[in-house]
Protein backbone atom coordinates (compact mmCIF):
# COMPACT_ATOMS: atom_id res chain seq x y z
CA MET A 1 31.85 16.69 -1.01
CA ILE A 2 30.88 13.22 -2.22
CA ILE A 3 28.82 12.56 0.94
CA ALA A 4 27.00 15.89 0.56
CA GLU A 5 26.11 15.09 -3.06
CA ALA A 6 24.94 11.60 -2.06
CA ASN A 7 22.75 13.06 0.68
CA GLN A 8 21.31 15.59 -1.74
CA THR A 9 20.53 12.87 -4.28
CA ALA A 10 19.00 10.66 -1.57
CA GLN A 11 16.72 13.46 -0.36
CA LYS A 12 15.65 14.24 -3.92
CA LEU A 13 14.80 10.58 -4.57
CA ARG A 14 12.90 10.31 -1.27
CA GLY A 15 10.87 13.39 -2.21
CA GLU A 16 10.07 11.97 -5.64
CA GLY A 17 9.08 8.65 -4.05
CA ASP A 18 6.84 10.41 -1.53
CA ALA A 19 5.17 12.38 -4.32
CA LEU A 20 4.53 9.20 -6.32
CA ARG A 21 3.16 7.42 -3.23
CA ASN A 22 0.78 10.32 -2.58
CA GLN A 23 -0.34 10.29 -6.21
CA ILE A 24 -1.06 6.53 -6.01
CA TYR A 25 -3.00 6.98 -2.74
CA ALA A 26 -5.07 9.79 -4.25
CA SER A 27 -5.81 7.72 -7.34
CA ALA A 28 -6.87 4.72 -5.24
CA TYR A 29 -9.05 6.91 -3.03
CA ASN A 30 -10.79 8.43 -6.06
CA LYS A 31 -11.55 5.00 -7.53
CA ASP A 32 -13.15 3.54 -4.39
CA ALA A 33 -13.07 5.66 -1.25
CA GLU A 34 -14.73 3.00 0.93
CA PHE A 35 -12.25 0.28 -0.08
CA PHE A 36 -9.36 2.67 0.41
CA SER A 37 -10.62 3.41 3.92
CA PHE A 38 -10.91 -0.33 4.61
CA TYR A 39 -7.38 -0.95 3.32
CA ARG A 40 -5.95 1.83 5.48
CA SER A 41 -7.77 0.31 8.47
CA LEU A 42 -6.08 -3.02 7.82
CA ILE A 43 -2.70 -1.28 7.81
CA ALA A 44 -3.59 0.42 11.10
CA TYR A 45 -4.62 -2.92 12.63
CA ASP A 46 -1.37 -4.53 11.55
CA THR A 47 0.66 -1.63 12.95
CA ALA A 48 -1.20 -1.30 16.24
CA ILE A 49 -2.01 -4.90 17.13
CA LYS A 50 1.08 -7.04 17.63
CA GLU A 51 1.10 -10.60 18.93
CA GLY A 52 1.17 -10.68 22.71
CA THR A 53 0.31 -7.00 23.10
CA PRO A 54 -2.77 -6.37 25.23
CA LEU A 55 -5.14 -3.88 23.66
CA VAL A 56 -8.30 -2.49 25.27
CA ILE A 57 -10.58 -0.62 22.88
CA SER A 58 -14.31 0.00 23.04
CA PRO A 59 -16.18 -2.25 20.56
CA ASP A 60 -18.00 0.78 19.14
CA SER A 61 -14.71 2.54 18.38
CA ASP A 62 -14.10 3.70 14.80
CA PHE A 63 -11.00 1.55 14.97
CA PHE A 64 -13.30 -1.47 14.57
CA LYS A 65 -15.60 0.12 12.01
CA TYR A 66 -15.28 -2.77 9.55
CA PHE A 67 -16.00 -5.48 12.13
CA GLY A 68 -19.61 -4.33 12.66
CA ASN A 69 -21.24 -6.79 10.25
CA ALA A 70 -20.59 -8.83 7.12
CA ASN A 71 -20.96 -5.74 4.91
CA GLY A 72 -18.36 -3.79 6.85
CA ARG A 73 -20.91 -1.21 7.91
CA LYS A 74 -21.96 -0.09 11.38
């Protein structure tokens, strides 16, 4: 019974945390959609590109959108 209650509490807290995270993301997006997109790209780069991992992607891929020029535009 104690384990079931702990699991229930854990799931409730995870749900509340997910809701807060989504609220923060939405707020950030509404303040500056372009910066939010840039930030999410950085997270994607960090996740996808690990040291020593070969990666072959076309230079005109949206994955490299912010490497086009100094302004971060294509």
